[in-house]
Amino acid sequence: MSVQRTLPLLMLLTLLGGCGIQPWVKPYERQNLADPLMSFDRHPIAAGYTHHVYQAREGARGAEGGGGGGCGCN
């Protein structure tokens, strides 16, 4: 086989081999990632209240990933 046919075949096999990777995190290991120490906010409950007030004040309900209407009554 020539190099012109071998190189694309090798690249195709490499790309297809990447599709068969199993998930890095197993379902029973996900509890470790849900640890409060892994959160971005130091005080997640206070941050939730702050986000709620911000969304109600700005009329941007759901802009930060929350659900509900835009009236601020939730």
PDB file of N, CA and C in Angstrom:
ATOM      1  N   MET A   1       0.841  -1.190   0.000  1.00  0.00           N
ATOM      2  CA  MET A   1       0.000   0.000   0.000  1.00  0.00           C
ATOM      3  C   MET A   1       0.879   1.244   0.000  1.00  0.00           C
ATOM      4  N   SER A   2       0.393   2.237  -0.651  1.00  0.00           N
ATOM      5  CA  SER A   2       1.166   3.463  -0.692  1.00  0.00           C
ATOM      6  C   SER A   2       0.868   4.309   0.543  1.00  0.00           C
ATOM      7  N   VAL A   3       1.693   5.283   0.762  1.00  0.00           N
ATOM      8  CA  VAL A   3       1.533   6.180   1.912  1.00  0.00           C
ATOM      9  C   VAL A   3       0.272   7.017   1.767  1.00  0.00           C
ATOM     10  N   GLN A   4      -0.113   7.317   0.555  1.00  0.00           N
ATOM     11  CA  GLN A   4      -1.306   8.134   0.317  1.00  0.00           C
ATOM     12  C   GLN A   4      -2.579   7.403   0.731  1.00  0.00           C
ATOM     13  N   ARG A   5      -2.571   6.088   0.707  1.00  0.00           N
ATOM     14  CA  ARG A   5      -3.754   5.335   1.123  1.00  0.00           C
ATOM     15  C   ARG A   5      -3.664   4.931   2.588  1.00  0.00           C
ATOM     16  N   THR A   6      -2.457   4.732   3.087  1.00  0.00           N
ATOM     17  CA  THR A   6      -2.276   4.277   4.462  1.00  0.00           C
ATOM     18  C   THR A   6      -2.545   5.388   5.470  1.00  0.00           C
ATOM     19  N   LEU A   7      -2.090   6.587   5.207  1.00  0.00           N
ATOM     20  CA  LEU A   7      -2.235   7.692   6.153  1.00  0.00           C
ATOM     21  C   LEU A   7      -3.701   8.049   6.407  1.00  0.00           C
ATOM     22  N   PRO A   8      -4.553   8.220   5.392  1.00  0.00           N
ATOM     23  CA  PRO A   8      -5.966   8.496   5.689  1.00  0.00           C
ATOM     24  C   PRO A   8      -6.663   7.341   6.424  1.00  0.00           C
ATOM     25  N   LEU A   9      -6.282   6.114   6.102  1.00  0.00           N
ATOM     26  CA  LEU A   9      -6.865   4.971   6.791  1.00  0.00           C
ATOM     27  C   LEU A   9      -6.467   4.961   8.265  1.00  0.00           C
ATOM     28  N   LEU A  10      -5.227   5.255   8.538  1.00  0.00           N
ATOM     29  CA  LEU A  10      -4.747   5.316   9.916  1.00  0.00           C
ATOM     30  C   LEU A  10      -5.432   6.440  10.688  1.00  0.00           C
ATOM     31  N   MET A  11      -5.604   7.575  10.049  1.00  0.00           N
ATOM     32  CA  MET A  11      -6.292   8.699  10.697  1.00  0.00           C
ATOM     33  C   MET A  11      -7.756   8.359  10.967  1.00  0.00           C
ATOM     34  N   LEU A  12      -8.417   7.692  10.034  1.00  0.00           N
ATOM     35  CA  LEU A  12      -9.809   7.297  10.208  1.00  0.00           C
ATOM     36  C   LEU A  12      -9.958   6.315  11.363  1.00  0.00           C
ATOM     37  N   LEU A  13      -9.068   5.354  11.454  1.00  0.00           N
ATOM     38  CA  LEU A  13      -9.121   4.383  12.549  1.00  0.00           C
ATOM     39  C   LEU A  13      -8.867   5.052  13.896  1.00  0.00           C
ATOM     40  N   THR A  14      -7.986   6.026  13.923  1.00  0.00           N
ATOM     41  CA  THR A  14      -7.722   6.754  15.163  1.00  0.00           C
ATOM     42  C   THR A  14      -8.946   7.546  15.597  1.00  0.00           C
ATOM     43  N   LEU A  15      -9.604   8.216  14.663  1.00  0.00           N
ATOM     44  CA  LEU A  15     -10.803   8.989  14.994  1.00  0.00           C
ATOM     45  C   LEU A  15     -11.948   8.090  15.438  1.00  0.00           C
ATOM     46  N   LEU A  16     -12.126   6.969  14.785  1.00  0.00           N
ATOM     47  CA  LEU A  16     -13.181   6.039  15.171  1.00  0.00           C
ATOM     48  C   LEU A  16     -12.887   5.380  16.517  1.00  0.00           C
ATOM     49  N   GLY A  17     -11.633   5.193  16.827  1.00  0.00           N
ATOM     50  CA  GLY A  17     -11.270   4.623  18.122  1.00  0.00           C
ATOM     51  C   GLY A  17     -11.622   5.554  19.275  1.00  0.00           C
ATOM     52  N   GLY A  18     -11.639   6.859  19.029  1.00  0.00           N
ATOM     53  CA  GLY A  18     -12.013   7.821  20.064  1.00  0.00           C
ATOM     54  C   GLY A  18     -13.488   7.802  20.375  1.00  0.00           C
ATOM     55  N   CYS A  19     -14.311   7.273  19.489  1.00  0.00           N
ATOM     56  CA  CYS A  19     -15.761   7.204  19.723  1.00  0.00           C
ATOM     57  C   CYS A  19     -16.135   6.104  20.693  1.00  0.00           C
ATOM     58  N   GLY A  20     -15.278   5.161  20.930  1.00  0.00           N
ATOM     59  CA  GLY A  20     -15.603   4.029  21.779  1.00  0.00           C
ATOM     60  C   GLY A  20     -15.155   4.181  23.219  1.00  0.00           C
ATOM     61  N   ILE A  21     -14.758   5.382  23.620  1.00  0.00           N
ATOM     62  CA  ILE A  21     -14.272   5.584  24.985  1.00  0.00           C
ATOM     63  C   ILE A  21     -15.440   5.505  25.960  1.00  0.00           C
ATOM     64  N   GLN A  22     -15.260   4.764  27.020  1.00  0.00           N
ATOM     65  CA  GLN A  22     -16.267   4.675  28.070  1.00  0.00           C
ATOM     66  C   GLN A  22     -16.238   5.951  28.906  1.00  0.00           C
ATOM     67  N   PRO A  23     -17.338   6.277  29.609  1.00  0.00           N
ATOM     68  CA  PRO A  23     -17.337   7.479  30.443  1.00  0.00           C
ATOM     69  C   PRO A  23     -16.239   7.410  31.502  1.00  0.00           C
ATOM     70  N   TRP A  24     -15.633   8.546  31.753  1.00  0.00           N
ATOM     71  CA  TRP A  24     -14.555   8.598  32.736  1.00  0.00           C
ATOM     72  C   TRP A  24     -15.099   8.431  34.148  1.00  0.00           C
ATOM     73  N   VAL A  25     -16.292   8.957  34.391  1.00  0.00           N
ATOM     74  CA  VAL A  25     -16.872   8.901  35.720  1.00  0.00           C
ATOM     75  C   VAL A  25     -17.975   7.846  35.717  1.00  0.00           C
ATOM     76  N   LYS A  26     -17.822   6.875  36.552  1.00  0.00           N
ATOM     77  CA  LYS A  26     -18.828   5.825  36.671  1.00  0.00           C
ATOM     78  C   LYS A  26     -20.013   6.353  37.472  1.00  0.00           C
ATOM     79  N   PRO A  27     -21.208   5.778  37.294  1.00  0.00           N
ATOM     80  CA  PRO A  27     -22.385   6.261  38.027  1.00  0.00           C
ATOM     81  C   PRO A  27     -22.211   6.227  39.543  1.00  0.00           C
ATOM     82  N   TYR A  28     -21.516   5.236  40.060  1.00  0.00           N
ATOM     83  CA  TYR A  28     -21.337   5.148  41.506  1.00  0.00           C
ATOM     84  C   TYR A  28     -20.260   6.109  42.013  1.00  0.00           C
ATOM     85  N   GLU A  29     -19.482   6.742  41.126  1.00  0.00           N
ATOM     86  CA  GLU A  29     -18.470   7.709  41.521  1.00  0.00           C
ATOM     87  C   GLU A  29     -18.974   9.148  41.458  1.00  0.00           C
ATOM     88  N   ARG A  30     -20.166   9.367  40.914  1.00  0.00           N
ATOM     89  CA  ARG A  30     -20.668  10.724  40.736  1.00  0.00           C
ATOM     90  C   ARG A  30     -21.004  11.398  42.051  1.00  0.00           C
ATOM     91  N   GLN A  31     -21.219  10.619  43.103  1.00  0.00           N
ATOM     92  CA  GLN A  31     -21.493  11.219  44.395  1.00  0.00           C
ATOM     93  C   GLN A  31     -20.280  12.010  44.892  1.00  0.00           C
ATOM     94  N   ASN A  32     -19.089  11.621  44.476  1.00  0.00           N
ATOM     95  CA  ASN A  32     -17.896  12.361  44.885  1.00  0.00           C
ATOM     96  C   ASN A  32     -17.840  13.739  44.230  1.00  0.00           C
ATOM     97  N   LEU A  33     -18.363  13.854  43.007  1.00  0.00           N
ATOM     98  CA  LEU A  33     -18.366  15.137  42.320  1.00  0.00           C
ATOM     99  C   LEU A  33     -19.475  16.047  42.830  1.00  0.00           C
ATOM    100  N   ALA A  34     -20.490  15.481  43.481  1.00  0.00           N
ATOM    101  CA  ALA A  34     -21.580  16.279  44.027  1.00  0.00           C
ATOM    102  C   ALA A  34     -21.254  16.793  45.425  1.00  0.00           C
ATOM    103  N   ASP A  35     -20.050  16.619  45.879  1.00  0.00           N
ATOM    104  CA  ASP A  35     -19.627  17.078  47.198  1.00  0.00           C
ATOM    105  C   ASP A  35     -19.701  18.604  47.246  1.00  0.00           C
ATOM    106  N   PRO A  36     -20.188  19.188  48.341  1.00  0.00           N
ATOM    107  CA  PRO A  36     -20.257  20.652  48.441  1.00  0.00           C
ATOM    108  C   PRO A  36     -18.901  21.342  48.284  1.00  0.00           C
ATOM    109  N   LEU A  37     -17.838  20.635  48.558  1.00  0.00           N
ATOM    110  CA  LEU A  37     -16.514  21.236  48.386  1.00  0.00           C
ATOM    111  C   LEU A  37     -16.182  21.487  46.916  1.00  0.00           C
ATOM    112  N   MET A  38     -16.904  20.825  46.014  1.00  0.00           N
ATOM    113  CA  MET A  38     -16.640  20.975  44.592  1.00  0.00           C
ATOM    114  C   MET A  38     -17.409  22.135  43.964  1.00  0.00           C
ATOM    115  N   SER A  39     -18.231  22.845  44.735  1.00  0.00           N
ATOM    116  CA  SER A  39     -19.031  23.933  44.176  1.00  0.00           C
ATOM    117  C   SER A  39     -18.170  25.180  43.976  1.00  0.00           C
ATOM    118  N   PHE A  40     -18.619  26.046  43.082  1.00  0.00           N
ATOM    119  CA  PHE A  40     -17.884  27.271  42.798  1.00  0.00           C
ATOM    120  C   PHE A  40     -18.109  28.321  43.878  1.00  0.00           C
ATOM    121  N   ASP A  41     -19.287  28.298  44.479  1.00  0.00           N
ATOM    122  CA  ASP A  41     -19.616  29.291  45.493  1.00  0.00           C
ATOM    123  C   ASP A  41     -19.224  28.791  46.870  1.00  0.00           C
ATOM    124  N   ARG A  42     -18.746  29.693  47.685  1.00  0.00           N
ATOM    125  CA  ARG A  42     -18.375  29.311  49.032  1.00  0.00           C
ATOM    126  C   ARG A  42     -19.612  29.005  49.863  1.00  0.00           C
ATOM    127  N   HIS A  43     -20.675  29.782  49.653  1.00  0.00           N
ATOM    128  CA  HIS A  43     -21.932  29.594  50.365  1.00  0.00           C
ATOM    129  C   HIS A  43     -23.037  29.401  49.322  1.00  0.00           C
ATOM    130  N   PRO A  44     -23.297  28.165  48.909  1.00  0.00           N
ATOM    131  CA  PRO A  44     -24.240  27.946  47.815  1.00  0.00           C
ATOM    132  C   PRO A  44     -25.670  28.374  48.139  1.00  0.00           C
ATOM    133  N   ILE A  45     -26.096  28.270  49.392  1.00  0.00           N
ATOM    134  CA  ILE A  45     -27.462  28.682  49.731  1.00  0.00           C
ATOM    135  C   ILE A  45     -27.584  30.194  49.614  1.00  0.00           C
ATOM    136  N   ALA A  46     -26.606  30.924  50.136  1.00  0.00           N
ATOM    137  CA  ALA A  46     -26.626  32.379  50.027  1.00  0.00           C
ATOM    138  C   ALA A  46     -26.523  32.812  48.569  1.00  0.00           C
ATOM    139  N   ALA A  47     -25.745  32.112  47.779  1.00  0.00           N
ATOM    140  CA  ALA A  47     -25.624  32.448  46.367  1.00  0.00           C
ATOM    141  C   ALA A  47     -26.950  32.220  45.650  1.00  0.00           C
ATOM    142  N   GLY A  48     -27.699  31.181  46.052  1.00  0.00           N
ATOM    143  CA  GLY A  48     -29.012  30.943  45.462  1.00  0.00           C
ATOM    144  C   GLY A  48     -29.976  32.082  45.741  1.00  0.00           C
ATOM    145  N   TYR A  49     -29.955  32.591  46.986  1.00  0.00           N
ATOM    146  CA  TYR A  49     -30.799  33.738  47.320  1.00  0.00           C
ATOM    147  C   TYR A  49     -30.379  34.982  46.543  1.00  0.00           C
ATOM    148  N   THR A  50     -29.082  35.181  46.421  1.00  0.00           N
ATOM    149  CA  THR A  50     -28.583  36.341  45.680  1.00  0.00           C
ATOM    150  C   THR A  50     -28.995  36.262  44.211  1.00  0.00           C
ATOM    151  N   HIS A  51     -28.901  35.095  43.617  1.00  0.00           N
ATOM    152  CA  HIS A  51     -29.312  34.926  42.220  1.00  0.00           C
ATOM    153  C   HIS A  51     -30.808  35.156  42.059  1.00  0.00           C
ATOM    154  N   HIS A  52     -31.589  34.706  43.040  1.00  0.00           N
ATOM    155  CA  HIS A  52     -33.037  34.909  42.968  1.00  0.00           C
ATOM    156  C   HIS A  52     -33.370  36.395  43.019  1.00  0.00           C
ATOM    157  N   VAL A  53     -32.720  37.134  43.925  1.00  0.00           N
ATOM    158  CA  VAL A  53     -32.968  38.574  44.034  1.00  0.00           C
ATOM    159  C   VAL A  53     -32.533  39.283  42.758  1.00  0.00           C
ATOM    160  N   TYR A  54     -31.385  38.901  42.216  1.00  0.00           N
ATOM    161  CA  TYR A  54     -30.902  39.508  40.989  1.00  0.00           C
ATOM    162  C   TYR A  54     -31.878  39.271  39.838  1.00  0.00           C
ATOM    163  N   GLN A  55     -32.345  38.037  39.711  1.00  0.00           N
ATOM    164  CA  GLN A  55     -33.251  37.705  38.621  1.00  0.00           C
ATOM    165  C   GLN A  55     -34.571  38.444  38.765  1.00  0.00           C
ATOM    166  N   ALA A  56     -35.068  38.576  39.996  1.00  0.00           N
ATOM    167  CA  ALA A  56     -36.326  39.289  40.204  1.00  0.00           C
ATOM    168  C   ALA A  56     -36.157  40.785  39.928  1.00  0.00           C
ATOM    169  N   ARG A  57     -35.029  41.337  40.333  1.00  0.00           N
ATOM    170  CA  ARG A  57     -34.784  42.765  40.142  1.00  0.00           C
ATOM    171  C   ARG A  57     -34.585  43.113  38.676  1.00  0.00           C
ATOM    172  N   GLU A  58     -33.842  42.293  37.970  1.00  0.00           N
ATOM    173  CA  GLU A  58     -33.517  42.594  36.583  1.00  0.00           C
ATOM    174  C   GLU A  58     -34.570  42.098  35.598  1.00  0.00           C
ATOM    175  N   GLY A  59     -35.505  41.295  36.061  1.00  0.00           N
ATOM    176  CA  GLY A  59     -36.491  40.726  35.153  1.00  0.00           C
ATOM    177  C   GLY A  59     -35.866  39.708  34.225  1.00  0.00           C
ATOM    178  N   ALA A  60     -34.785  39.107  34.663  1.00  0.00           N
ATOM    179  CA  ALA A  60     -34.042  38.162  33.835  1.00  0.00           C
ATOM    180  C   ALA A  60     -34.190  36.759  34.390  1.00  0.00           C
ATOM    181  N   ARG A  61     -35.381  36.367  34.684  1.00  0.00           N
ATOM    182  CA  ARG A  61     -35.627  35.063  35.282  1.00  0.00           C
ATOM    183  C   ARG A  61     -35.157  33.969  34.338  1.00  0.00           C
ATOM    184  N   GLY A  62     -34.315  33.097  34.821  1.00  0.00           N
ATOM    185  CA  GLY A  62     -33.826  31.986  34.022  1.00  0.00           C
ATOM    186  C   GLY A  62     -32.561  32.299  33.254  1.00  0.00           C
ATOM    187  N   ALA A  63     -32.059  33.520  33.350  1.00  0.00           N
ATOM    188  CA  ALA A  63     -30.857  33.869  32.611  1.00  0.00           C
ATOM    189  C   ALA A  63     -29.632  33.174  33.167  1.00  0.00           C
ATOM    190  N   GLU A  64     -29.692  32.760  34.417  1.00  0.00           N
ATOM    191  CA  GLU A  64     -28.557  32.063  35.018  1.00  0.00           C
ATOM    192  C   GLU A  64     -28.843  30.596  35.235  1.00  0.00           C
ATOM    193  N   GLY A  65     -29.788  30.052  34.506  1.00  0.00           N
ATOM    194  CA  GLY A  65     -30.060  28.632  34.579  1.00  0.00           C
ATOM    195  C   GLY A  65     -31.258  28.261  35.439  1.00  0.00           C
ATOM    196  N   GLY A  66     -31.888  29.204  36.088  1.00  0.00           N
ATOM    197  CA  GLY A  66     -33.059  28.904  36.919  1.00  0.00           C
ATOM    198  C   GLY A  66     -34.304  28.816  36.080  1.00  0.00           C
ATOM    199  N   GLY A  67     -35.330  28.166  36.609  1.00  0.00           N
ATOM    200  CA  GLY A  67     -36.575  28.046  35.891  1.00  0.00           C
ATOM    201  C   GLY A  67     -37.630  28.952  36.489  1.00  0.00           C
ATOM    202  N   GLY A  68     -38.744  29.098  35.814  1.00  0.00           N
ATOM    203  CA  GLY A  68     -39.840  29.892  36.339  1.00  0.00           C
ATOM    204  C   GLY A  68     -40.147  31.071  35.456  1.00  0.00           C
ATOM    205  N   GLY A  69     -41.098  31.886  35.897  1.00  0.00           N
ATOM    206  CA  GLY A  69     -41.512  33.051  35.127  1.00  0.00           C
ATOM    207  C   GLY A  69     -40.659  34.270  35.391  1.00  0.00           C
ATOM    208  N   GLY A  70     -40.954  35.363  34.731  1.00  0.00           N
ATOM    209  CA  GLY A  70     -40.162  36.583  34.865  1.00  0.00           C
ATOM    210  C   GLY A  70     -40.718  37.571  35.869  1.00  0.00           C
ATOM    211  N   CYS A  71     -41.766  37.214  36.622  1.00  0.00           N
ATOM    212  CA  CYS A  71     -42.385  38.173  37.517  1.00  0.00           C
ATOM    213  C   CYS A  71     -41.669  38.279  38.852  1.00  0.00           C
ATOM    214  N   GLY A  72     -40.822  37.346  39.199  1.00  0.00           N
ATOM    215  CA  GLY A  72     -40.109  37.391  40.482  1.00  0.00           C
ATOM    216  C   GLY A  72     -40.931  36.873  41.630  1.00  0.00           C
ATOM    217  N   CYS A  73     -42.037  36.233  41.383  1.00  0.00           N
ATOM    218  CA  CYS A  73     -42.912  35.764  42.460  1.00  0.00           C
ATOM    219  C   CYS A  73     -42.617  34.329  42.883  1.00  0.00           C
ATOM    220  N   ASN A  74     -41.664  33.680  42.249  1.00  0.00           N
ATOM    221  CA  ASN A  74     -41.367  32.285  42.600  1.00  0.00           C
ATOM    222  C   ASN A  74     -40.418  32.227  43.750  1.00  0.00           C
TER     223      ASN A  74
END
